[in-house]
Amino acid sequence: MVNKKSFSQLRSEYPVFSYESFSYDIKENKISISFHFLANDIAFNPKISIEGVSAIRVSKRNVLALENIIFHLGMIEMLSYWKAFCSQRIVIKAGYLDGKQLDWWKDILLNGMGQYFFENKIDFTKDGFVELVCEGEKREVPLFEMNRLSGVLLPIGGGKDSATSIEICKKMKMKVIPFALNINKNMKDMIKAGSLPDPIVAKRRIEENLLELNRQGYLNGHTPFVAYLSFLGLLSATLFNKKYFILSNEKSSNEANVVFKGREINHQYSKTFDFEKKFRNYVGKYLATDFEYLSLLRPLYELQIARIFSKHPHYFDVFLSCNEAQKTYSGTKEKTEKWCGSCSKCLFVFIVLSPFLSKKELFLIFDKDLFADKDLIPIMIELVDEKKVKPLECVGTRKECLIALYLSWKTNNLLGQKQPELLAYFEKKVMPKHINLEKEVDKVLNNWDKKSFVPEEWRDNYNIKYE
């Protein structure tokens, strides 16, 4: 049994966390980067490498700008190590940030680490909770001037959203270069299924001493992964001259999971439109010119994405959205790399696919009928009940989960089939509380949210019309 260390104890023992320095080396088509963080006498030196199929060429005028982007990647990497202590003071020595930049980073920390604060019961709303101080030498840093830009750099996570983005980009005849972080079999299979070229591959290594601290009971929790991916994508796009870095974040990610200390906590904060907008503005002002960063699926609900995905069966046996499949629990377990069939993410994906796929297709994907597993009823309730904490995973809105369940129930009802355990419960306990679900179907499945950076002329390539 691990004796978890208290927040107050760690804040007292580690009052300062510092970002000391970074270094990098470019050889042919690969860049290797190392960061140096310090908390008292505990040092962290995490490493990241990015490798492409073409040689990296950085002009002399872009060297300082490149180093600034690398420095910023270290800023977001830092949160994965700072979280072990939640130090009150963060000292930045590796580069320069002005007052407005420090405010931007504090905002990202407070919003992006919301789940971490919630799960560790940390009151992050008090004045002076965290202070960011820059001790780096003040200097003017030019923007990275991107040239010879072409094509799309598309992160492949291996889930249905990545596959949907691949197909939309192909329909628009965009030249897609896949981007994979810590590539695994699932990602490789999806790249092959999408008939994409060899990927740009990033390898990130978490320091073993951080994993050991986790096992000893130091603070742990969720960090804003998509924010990390965004800075990593920016660096990769500058190195390999890609015009677009396109993510697959959707409208649904804007919905919070719970309110804590008067603040909305969103597991997916760095997938939200709010972060997307802030990141675009920050990059344009401080980091690079002509960089196009947007979320291709932003106008859509997860349920709409599931419907588009359902029309591409060549991905059914290669996609994987279960987060349990990739967890190592601080290095204590091996990754399973298969659907667990018992977590909130598995159930959510099953729910949103169920109106559009046959029972046979669903069984082939999940190896079981999740609607028949009565042990999943509590998770289903968490996915639809506003009084509950929505599962702290990348799941859709409560409304679209209700609509997906309703559509599946309706299909069974029309066919005269017996409702499985979850849908029988839904019919008896949930549906009576939501009498207008039929009217909501069209609103969700024909939705197109204009709060996005997707050009309007791209809309026809999505084929979202539902009748």
Protein backbone atom coordinates (compact mmCIF):
# COMPACT_ATOMS: atom_id res chain seq x y z
CA MET A 1 0.00 0.00 0.00
CA VAL A 2 1.48 3.36 -1.10
CA ASN A 3 1.36 6.14 1.49
CA LYS A 4 0.29 9.10 -0.57
CA LYS A 5 2.17 12.25 0.34
CA SER A 6 0.05 15.26 1.23
CA PHE A 7 -0.24 18.38 -0.89
CA SER A 8 0.80 20.64 2.01
CA GLN A 9 3.81 18.45 2.84
CA LEU A 10 5.08 18.53 -0.75
CA ARG A 11 4.46 22.27 -1.14
CA SER A 12 6.53 22.83 1.99
CA GLU A 13 9.38 20.50 1.01
CA TYR A 14 9.54 21.64 -2.64
CA PRO A 15 8.58 25.34 -2.70
CA VAL A 16 10.41 26.00 -5.99
CA PHE A 17 10.42 24.11 -9.29
CA SER A 18 12.79 25.37 -11.97
CA TYR A 19 13.14 24.94 -15.71
CA GLU A 20 16.92 25.14 -15.90
CA SER A 21 17.89 24.54 -19.52
CA PHE A 22 17.49 22.56 -22.72
CA SER A 23 19.78 21.21 -25.41
CA TYR A 24 19.29 19.80 -28.88
CA ASP A 25 21.15 18.14 -31.69
CA ILE A 26 20.21 17.82 -35.38
CA LYS A 27 21.63 15.01 -37.51
CA GLU A 28 20.28 14.49 -41.02
CA ASN A 29 16.53 13.84 -40.61
CA LYS A 30 16.40 13.68 -36.81
CA ILE A 31 16.38 16.15 -33.94
CA SER A 32 17.12 15.02 -30.38
CA ILE A 33 16.14 17.24 -27.46
CA SER A 34 16.80 17.10 -23.72
CA PHE A 35 15.29 19.30 -20.99
CA HIS A 36 16.60 19.92 -17.50
CA PHE A 37 14.19 20.53 -14.61
CA LEU A 38 15.01 20.79 -10.93
CA ALA A 39 13.11 20.49 -7.64
CA ASN A 40 15.48 20.79 -4.69
CA ASP A 41 18.01 18.01 -5.30
CA ILE A 42 15.75 16.03 -7.65
CA ALA A 43 16.74 16.51 -11.29
CA PHE A 44 14.74 15.48 -14.35
CA ASN A 45 16.19 15.23 -17.85
CA PRO A 46 13.35 14.06 -20.13
CA LYS A 47 14.15 13.47 -23.78
CA ILE A 48 12.23 13.76 -27.03
CA SER A 49 13.27 13.03 -30.60
CA ILE A 50 11.56 13.75 -33.92
CA GLU A 51 12.50 11.87 -37.07
CA GLY A 52 11.22 12.37 -40.61
CA VAL A 53 11.92 10.94 -44.02
CA SER A 54 13.66 14.09 -45.32
CA ALA A 55 16.70 15.98 -44.05
CA ILE A 56 16.20 18.86 -41.62
CA ARG A 57 17.43 22.19 -42.94
CA VAL A 58 17.29 25.24 -40.66
CA SER A 59 18.43 28.57 -42.11
CA LYS A 60 20.69 30.80 -40.04
CA ARG A 61 17.96 33.41 -39.65
CA ASN A 62 15.70 30.77 -38.08
CA VAL A 63 18.10 29.31 -35.51
CA LEU A 64 17.06 31.58 -32.63
CA ALA A 65 13.39 31.12 -33.52
CA LEU A 66 13.81 27.34 -33.58
CA GLU A 67 15.44 27.41 -30.16
CA ASN A 68 12.53 29.49 -28.88
CA ILE A 69 10.05 26.85 -30.08
CA ILE A 70 12.10 24.11 -28.41
CA PHE A 71 12.17 26.18 -25.21
CA HIS A 72 8.37 26.39 -25.37
CA LEU A 73 8.05 22.63 -25.83
CA GLY A 74 9.95 22.38 -22.57
CA MET A 75 7.44 24.69 -20.91
CA ILE A 76 4.57 22.30 -21.59
CA GLU A 77 6.74 19.25 -20.82
CA MET A 78 7.54 20.83 -17.47
CA LEU A 79 3.97 20.32 -16.19
CA SER A 80 4.42 16.54 -16.22
CA TYR A 81 7.19 16.92 -13.63
CA TRP A 82 5.97 19.93 -11.67
CA LYS A 83 2.79 18.01 -10.85
CA ALA A 84 4.74 15.63 -8.56
CA PHE A 85 5.24 18.52 -6.11
CA CYS A 86 2.77 21.28 -7.09
CA SER A 87 5.43 23.82 -6.10
CA GLN A 88 4.11 27.32 -5.44
CA ARG A 89 6.90 29.01 -7.38
CA ILE A 90 7.99 28.08 -10.90
CA VAL A 91 11.28 29.67 -11.98
CA ILE A 92 12.08 29.77 -15.70
CA LYS A 93 15.76 30.08 -16.53
CA ALA A 94 15.94 28.30 -19.91
CA GLY A 95 14.52 31.15 -21.99
CA TYR A 96 12.70 34.45 -21.90
CA LEU A 97 8.99 35.14 -21.39
CA ASP A 98 7.51 38.60 -20.91
CA GLY A 99 4.70 39.42 -18.50
CA LYS A 100 1.88 38.65 -20.96
CA GLN A 101 3.47 35.33 -21.87
CA LEU A 102 3.76 34.39 -18.20
CA ASP A 103 0.06 35.19 -17.78
CA TRP A 104 -0.73 32.96 -20.79
CA TRP A 105 1.19 30.06 -19.29
CA LYS A 106 -0.43 30.50 -15.91
CA ASP A 107 -3.84 30.37 -17.60
CA ILE A 108 -2.91 27.15 -19.41
CA LEU A 109 -1.62 25.64 -16.17
CA LEU A 110 -4.76 26.44 -14.19
CA ASN A 111 -7.17 25.29 -16.89
CA GLY A 112 -5.17 22.41 -18.30
CA MET A 113 -4.38 20.91 -14.89
CA GLY A 114 -7.98 21.15 -13.67
CA GLN A 115 -8.52 17.41 -13.45
CA TYR A 116 -5.28 17.04 -11.50
CA PHE A 117 -6.46 19.64 -8.98
CA PHE A 118 -9.91 18.03 -8.73
CA GLU A 119 -8.64 14.49 -8.20
CA ASN A 120 -6.04 15.59 -5.65
CA LYS A 121 -8.53 17.93 -3.91
CA ILE A 122 -6.24 20.94 -4.34
CA ASP A 123 -7.76 24.41 -4.03
CA PHE A 124 -6.14 26.14 -7.00
CA THR A 125 -8.39 29.21 -6.84
CA LYS A 126 -6.65 31.00 -3.97
CA ASP A 127 -4.62 34.14 -4.71
CA GLY A 128 -0.95 33.34 -5.04
CA PHE A 129 -1.58 29.62 -5.57
CA VAL A 130 1.14 29.50 -8.20
CA GLU A 131 3.66 32.09 -9.38
CA LEU A 132 5.64 31.92 -12.61
CA VAL A 133 8.87 33.91 -12.61
CA CYS A 134 11.24 34.31 -15.53
CA GLU A 135 14.94 34.67 -14.80
CA GLY A 136 16.02 34.07 -18.38
CA GLU A 137 17.93 36.80 -20.18
CA LYS A 138 15.63 39.35 -21.80
CA ARG A 139 15.96 39.38 -25.57
CA GLU A 140 13.98 39.89 -28.74
CA VAL A 141 13.34 36.57 -30.47
CA PRO A 142 12.26 36.56 -34.13
CA LEU A 143 9.37 34.47 -35.40
CA PHE A 144 10.24 31.29 -37.26
CA GLU A 145 9.82 32.10 -40.96
CA MET A 146 8.26 29.09 -42.62
CA ASN A 147 8.77 28.59 -46.35
CA ARG A 148 8.22 26.01 -49.09
CA LEU A 149 5.09 25.02 -47.17
CA SER A 150 2.97 22.14 -48.44
CA GLY A 151 0.64 19.48 -47.15
CA VAL A 152 -0.93 18.49 -43.87
CA LEU A 153 0.78 17.09 -40.79
CA LEU A 154 -1.92 14.92 -39.22
CA PRO A 155 -1.46 13.31 -35.78
CA ILE A 156 -2.58 9.68 -35.73
CA GLY A 157 -3.82 8.62 -32.31
CA GLY A 158 -5.36 5.43 -33.60
CA GLY A 159 -8.99 6.18 -32.72
CA LYS A 160 -12.08 6.80 -34.83
CA ASP A 161 -11.41 10.55 -34.89
CA SER A 162 -8.00 10.13 -36.55
CA ALA A 163 -9.52 7.80 -39.15
CA THR A 164 -12.33 10.26 -39.87
CA SER A 165 -9.85 13.10 -40.38
CA ILE A 166 -7.80 10.95 -42.76
CA GLU A 167 -10.84 10.35 -44.94
CA ILE A 168 -11.94 14.01 -44.95
CA CYS A 169 -8.43 15.14 -45.92
CA LYS A 170 -8.33 12.55 -48.70
CA LYS A 171 -11.67 13.77 -50.01
CA MET A 172 -10.20 17.28 -50.20
CA LYS A 173 -7.18 15.81 -52.02
CA MET A 174 -4.80 17.14 -49.37
CA LYS A 175 -1.33 15.66 -49.18
CA VAL A 176 -1.34 14.08 -45.73
CA ILE A 177 1.82 13.23 -43.82
CA PRO A 178 0.98 11.21 -40.70
CA PHE A 179 2.54 12.22 -37.38
CA ALA A 180 2.90 9.65 -34.60
CA LEU A 181 4.07 10.11 -31.02
CA ASN A 182 5.47 6.90 -29.52
CA ILE A 183 4.16 4.93 -32.47
CA ASN A 184 2.56 1.56 -31.75
CA LYS A 185 0.99 -1.25 -33.77
CA ASN A 186 -2.45 0.36 -33.62
CA MET A 187 -1.12 3.59 -35.19
CA LYS A 188 0.91 1.70 -37.82
CA ASP A 189 -2.16 -0.33 -38.80
CA MET A 190 -4.27 2.82 -39.14
CA ILE A 191 -1.63 4.54 -41.29
CA LYS A 192 -1.60 1.47 -43.53
CA ALA A 193 -5.41 1.26 -43.65
CA GLY A 194 -5.53 4.92 -44.65
CA SER A 195 -2.97 4.35 -47.45
CA LEU A 196 -0.75 7.09 -45.99
CA PRO A 197 3.01 7.49 -46.54
CA ASP A 198 5.65 6.87 -43.88
CA PRO A 199 5.06 9.02 -40.79
CA ILE A 200 7.08 11.65 -39.01
CA VAL A 201 7.76 9.91 -35.73
CA ALA A 202 8.34 11.47 -32.32
CA LYS A 203 9.63 9.48 -29.38
CA ARG A 204 9.06 10.81 -25.89
CA ARG A 205 10.59 9.23 -22.81
CA ILE A 206 9.26 9.92 -19.33
CA GLU A 207 12.04 9.97 -16.75
CA GLU A 208 12.21 6.82 -14.64
CA ASN A 209 12.69 8.84 -11.46
CA LEU A 210 9.29 10.50 -12.02
CA LEU A 211 7.67 7.08 -12.30
CA GLU A 212 9.43 6.08 -9.11
CA LEU A 213 8.09 9.18 -7.33
CA ASN A 214 4.62 8.21 -8.51
CA ARG A 215 5.07 4.76 -6.99
CA GLN A 216 6.22 6.40 -3.73
CA GLY A 217 3.02 8.41 -3.45
CA TYR A 218 4.05 11.80 -4.79
CA LEU A 219 1.27 13.76 -6.48
CA ASN A 220 0.15 12.49 -9.87
CA GLY A 221 -2.61 13.21 -12.33
CA HIS A 222 -3.75 14.28 -15.78
CA THR A 223 -1.78 16.88 -17.76
CA PRO A 224 -2.96 18.74 -20.91
CA PHE A 225 -1.68 16.22 -23.45
CA VAL A 226 -3.13 17.95 -26.53
CA ALA A 227 -1.34 21.16 -25.53
CA TYR A 228 1.89 19.15 -25.48
CA LEU A 229 1.02 17.62 -28.84
CA SER A 230 0.32 21.09 -30.24
CA PHE A 231 3.77 22.45 -29.37
CA LEU A 232 5.35 19.23 -30.61
CA GLY A 233 3.37 19.55 -33.84
CA LEU A 234 4.45 23.16 -34.28
CA LEU A 235 8.09 22.15 -33.93
CA SER A 236 7.65 19.28 -36.40
CA ALA A 237 5.85 21.47 -38.93
CA THR A 238 8.63 24.07 -38.83
CA LEU A 239 11.31 21.42 -39.27
CA PHE A 240 9.61 19.68 -42.19
CA ASN A 241 7.85 22.68 -43.80
CA LYS A 242 4.22 21.62 -43.44
CA LYS A 243 1.52 24.21 -44.00
CA TYR A 244 -1.11 22.66 -41.70
CA PHE A 245 -0.98 20.90 -38.38
CA ILE A 246 -4.49 19.49 -38.19
CA LEU A 247 -5.91 17.97 -35.04
CA SER A 248 -9.09 15.90 -34.70
CA ASN A 249 -10.76 17.68 -31.79
CA GLU A 250 -14.53 18.01 -31.83
CA LYS A 251 -17.30 20.30 -30.55
CA SER A 252 -18.11 17.80 -27.79
CA SER A 253 -14.80 18.45 -26.01
CA ASN A 254 -16.01 21.91 -24.98
CA GLU A 255 -18.35 20.42 -22.35
CA ALA A 256 -16.94 20.31 -18.81
CA ASN A 257 -16.98 17.19 -16.64
CA VAL A 258 -17.63 18.73 -13.23
CA VAL A 259 -17.55 22.01 -11.28
CA PHE A 260 -14.92 22.18 -8.52
CA LYS A 261 -14.20 25.20 -6.31
CA GLY A 262 -16.55 27.22 -8.53
CA ARG A 263 -14.55 26.43 -11.68
CA GLU A 264 -15.41 24.14 -14.57
CA ILE A 265 -13.09 21.14 -14.77
CA ASN A 266 -12.65 19.73 -18.27
CA HIS A 267 -10.61 16.58 -18.81
CA GLN A 268 -10.27 17.70 -22.42
CA TYR A 269 -9.42 21.38 -21.83
CA SER A 270 -6.58 21.51 -24.34
CA LYS A 271 -8.94 19.94 -26.92
CA THR A 272 -11.42 22.81 -26.52
CA PHE A 273 -12.08 25.68 -28.89
CA ASP A 274 -10.93 28.05 -26.13
CA PHE A 275 -7.44 26.51 -26.08
CA GLU A 276 -7.32 26.24 -29.87
CA LYS A 277 -8.01 29.96 -30.21
CA LYS A 278 -5.46 30.92 -27.53
CA PHE A 279 -2.78 28.66 -29.02
CA ARG A 280 -3.24 30.07 -32.53
CA ASN A 281 -2.95 33.62 -31.23
CA TYR A 282 0.11 32.84 -29.11
CA VAL A 283 1.96 31.11 -31.93
CA GLY A 284 1.26 33.93 -34.37
CA LYS A 285 2.51 36.55 -31.94
CA TYR A 286 5.53 34.83 -30.42
CA LEU A 287 6.64 31.75 -32.35
CA ALA A 288 6.08 31.34 -36.11
CA THR A 289 4.66 32.91 -39.25
CA ASP A 290 2.27 31.23 -41.69
CA PHE A 291 1.53 28.29 -39.40
CA GLU A 292 -2.01 26.94 -39.82
CA TYR A 293 -3.26 25.12 -36.73
CA LEU A 294 -6.84 23.94 -36.54
CA SER A 295 -9.11 21.11 -35.46
CA LEU A 296 -10.70 19.49 -38.50
CA LEU A 297 -13.62 17.99 -36.57
CA ARG A 298 -14.34 21.06 -34.43
CA PRO A 299 -17.75 21.78 -36.05
CA LEU A 300 -19.03 18.28 -35.22
CA TYR A 301 -20.35 16.31 -32.27
CA GLU A 302 -18.77 12.93 -31.49
CA LEU A 303 -22.02 11.29 -32.62
CA GLN A 304 -21.64 12.86 -36.06
CA ILE A 305 -18.03 11.71 -36.24
CA ALA A 306 -19.13 8.17 -35.35
CA ARG A 307 -21.64 8.27 -38.20
CA ILE A 308 -18.99 9.36 -40.72
CA PHE A 309 -16.55 6.77 -39.37
CA SER A 310 -19.16 4.01 -39.69
CA LYS A 311 -19.00 4.41 -43.47
CA HIS A 312 -15.34 3.35 -43.57
CA PRO A 313 -15.24 -0.31 -42.48
CA HIS A 314 -11.59 -0.76 -43.48
CA TYR A 315 -10.72 0.86 -40.13
CA PHE A 316 -12.96 -1.32 -37.95
CA ASP A 317 -10.33 -3.91 -37.07
CA VAL A 318 -7.47 -1.43 -36.58
CA PHE A 319 -8.87 1.50 -34.59
CA LEU A 320 -8.58 1.57 -30.79
CA SER A 321 -9.96 4.27 -28.49
CA CYS A 322 -9.68 2.52 -25.12
CA ASN A 323 -7.27 4.45 -22.89
CA GLU A 324 -6.92 1.50 -20.52
CA ALA A 325 -5.25 -0.31 -23.42
CA GLN A 326 -2.29 2.10 -23.30
CA LYS A 327 -1.85 2.56 -19.54
CA THR A 328 1.19 1.23 -17.67
CA TYR A 329 0.27 2.61 -14.22
CA SER A 330 3.65 4.24 -13.64
CA GLY A 331 5.50 1.36 -15.22
CA THR A 332 3.94 -1.37 -13.06
CA LYS A 333 1.94 -3.04 -15.85
CA GLU A 334 2.29 -3.82 -19.53
CA LYS A 335 0.04 -2.19 -22.10
CA THR A 336 -2.74 -4.51 -23.30
CA GLU A 337 -3.36 -2.64 -26.59
CA LYS A 338 -6.90 -4.01 -26.93
CA TRP A 339 -10.42 -2.94 -25.95
CA CYS A 340 -11.02 -3.66 -22.26
CA GLY A 341 -14.81 -3.57 -22.68
CA SER A 342 -15.39 -2.29 -19.16
CA CYS A 343 -14.28 1.36 -19.02
CA SER A 344 -16.19 4.56 -19.73
CA LYS A 345 -14.32 5.16 -23.00
CA CYS A 346 -15.18 1.70 -24.36
CA LEU A 347 -18.83 2.14 -23.41
CA PHE A 348 -19.00 5.63 -24.89
CA VAL A 349 -17.56 4.54 -28.24
CA PHE A 350 -19.92 1.53 -28.29
CA ILE A 351 -22.88 3.84 -27.57
CA VAL A 352 -22.14 6.36 -30.34
CA LEU A 353 -21.41 3.65 -32.92
CA SER A 354 -24.43 1.54 -32.03
CA PRO A 355 -27.01 3.53 -34.09
CA PHE A 356 -24.91 3.14 -37.25
CA LEU A 357 -23.40 -0.36 -37.09
CA SER A 358 -24.98 -3.80 -36.95
CA LYS A 359 -24.72 -5.94 -33.83
CA LYS A 360 -22.36 -8.23 -35.72
CA GLU A 361 -20.03 -5.34 -36.62
CA LEU A 362 -20.02 -4.08 -33.04
CA PHE A 363 -19.26 -7.55 -31.69
CA LEU A 364 -16.35 -7.95 -34.09
CA ILE A 365 -14.86 -4.67 -32.83
CA PHE A 366 -15.42 -5.08 -29.07
CA ASP A 367 -15.62 -8.88 -28.81
CA LYS A 368 -18.78 -8.53 -26.70
CA ASP A 369 -22.13 -6.76 -26.58
CA LEU A 370 -21.55 -3.98 -24.06
CA PHE A 371 -25.29 -3.25 -23.89
CA ALA A 372 -25.75 -6.73 -22.40
CA ASP A 373 -23.34 -6.09 -19.50
CA LYS A 374 -25.42 -4.85 -16.56
CA ASP A 375 -22.23 -3.96 -14.67
CA LEU A 376 -21.85 -1.02 -17.08
CA ILE A 377 -25.13 0.61 -16.04
CA PRO A 378 -23.42 2.92 -13.47
CA ILE A 379 -21.03 4.17 -16.19
CA MET A 380 -23.94 4.74 -18.58
CA ILE A 381 -25.62 6.85 -15.90
CA GLU A 382 -22.45 8.93 -15.47
CA LEU A 383 -22.37 9.56 -19.23
CA VAL A 384 -25.92 10.97 -19.33
CA ASP A 385 -26.78 12.35 -15.88
CA GLU A 386 -25.94 16.04 -15.32
CA LYS A 387 -25.94 15.46 -11.57
CA LYS A 388 -23.04 13.04 -11.85
CA VAL A 389 -19.37 13.69 -12.58
CA LYS A 390 -19.01 12.93 -16.28
CA PRO A 391 -16.25 10.31 -16.68
CA LEU A 392 -12.85 11.97 -16.80
CA GLU A 393 -12.07 10.60 -20.24
CA CYS A 394 -12.40 11.85 -23.81
CA VAL A 395 -16.13 11.22 -24.10
CA GLY A 396 -18.94 13.17 -25.76
CA THR A 397 -21.64 15.39 -24.33
CA ARG A 398 -24.42 14.05 -22.18
CA LYS A 399 -26.98 15.08 -24.81
CA GLU A 400 -25.44 13.11 -27.65
CA CYS A 401 -25.05 10.03 -25.42
CA LEU A 402 -28.78 10.26 -24.67
CA ILE A 403 -29.59 10.57 -28.37
CA ALA A 404 -27.36 7.64 -29.34
CA LEU A 405 -28.97 5.43 -26.69
CA TYR A 406 -32.41 6.57 -27.84
CA LEU A 407 -31.64 5.75 -31.50
CA SER A 408 -30.40 2.27 -30.58
CA TRP A 409 -33.43 1.68 -28.36
CA LYS A 410 -35.72 2.91 -31.14
CA THR A 411 -34.18 0.54 -33.71
CA ASN A 412 -34.64 -2.46 -31.41
CA ASN A 413 -38.19 -1.38 -30.69
CA LEU A 414 -39.10 -1.05 -34.37
CA LEU A 415 -37.64 -4.50 -35.07
CA GLY A 416 -39.52 -6.00 -32.15
CA GLN A 417 -36.28 -7.12 -30.50
CA LYS A 418 -35.79 -7.51 -26.77
CA GLN A 419 -33.89 -4.60 -25.27
CA PRO A 420 -30.52 -5.62 -23.72
CA GLU A 421 -29.75 -4.72 -20.10
CA LEU A 422 -28.51 -1.16 -20.62
CA LEU A 423 -31.22 -0.16 -23.08
CA ALA A 424 -33.91 -1.72 -20.88
CA TYR A 425 -32.65 0.37 -17.98
CA PHE A 426 -32.49 3.40 -20.27
CA GLU A 427 -36.11 2.86 -21.31
CA LYS A 428 -37.37 2.51 -17.74
CA LYS A 429 -35.23 4.96 -15.77
CA VAL A 430 -33.77 7.54 -18.17
CA MET A 431 -36.12 8.10 -21.11
CA PRO A 432 -39.06 9.31 -18.96
CA LYS A 433 -36.87 12.24 -17.85
CA HIS A 434 -36.12 13.27 -21.46
CA ILE A 435 -39.33 13.49 -23.45
CA ASN A 436 -38.00 15.47 -26.44
CA LEU A 437 -35.19 13.19 -27.61
CA GLU A 438 -36.75 12.64 -31.03
CA LYS A 439 -36.73 16.39 -31.66
CA GLU A 440 -33.08 16.61 -30.59
CA VAL A 441 -31.89 13.98 -33.08
CA ASP A 442 -31.92 16.31 -36.07
CA LYS A 443 -30.31 19.18 -34.14
CA VAL A 444 -27.30 17.05 -33.22
CA LEU A 445 -26.83 14.93 -36.34
CA ASN A 446 -27.18 17.90 -38.72
CA ASN A 447 -25.16 20.27 -36.53
CA TRP A 448 -22.39 22.45 -37.96
CA ASP A 449 -20.80 24.68 -35.32
CA LYS A 450 -19.42 27.89 -36.79
CA LYS A 451 -17.14 28.39 -33.78
CA SER A 452 -14.20 26.80 -35.52
CA PHE A 453 -11.29 27.64 -37.78
CA VAL A 454 -12.38 25.20 -40.47
CA PRO A 455 -12.85 27.16 -43.73
CA GLU A 456 -16.51 27.21 -44.76
CA GLU A 457 -15.60 25.96 -48.24
CA TRP A 458 -14.43 22.66 -46.71
CA ARG A 459 -17.90 21.85 -45.34
CA ASP A 460 -19.18 19.88 -48.33
CA ASN A 461 -16.41 17.32 -47.84
CA TYR A 462 -17.84 16.14 -44.51
CA ASN A 463 -21.08 14.62 -45.81
CA ILE A 464 -22.94 15.10 -42.52
CA LYS A 465 -26.51 15.40 -43.87
CA TYR A 466 -28.80 13.11 -41.85
CA GLU A 467 -32.41 12.36 -42.76
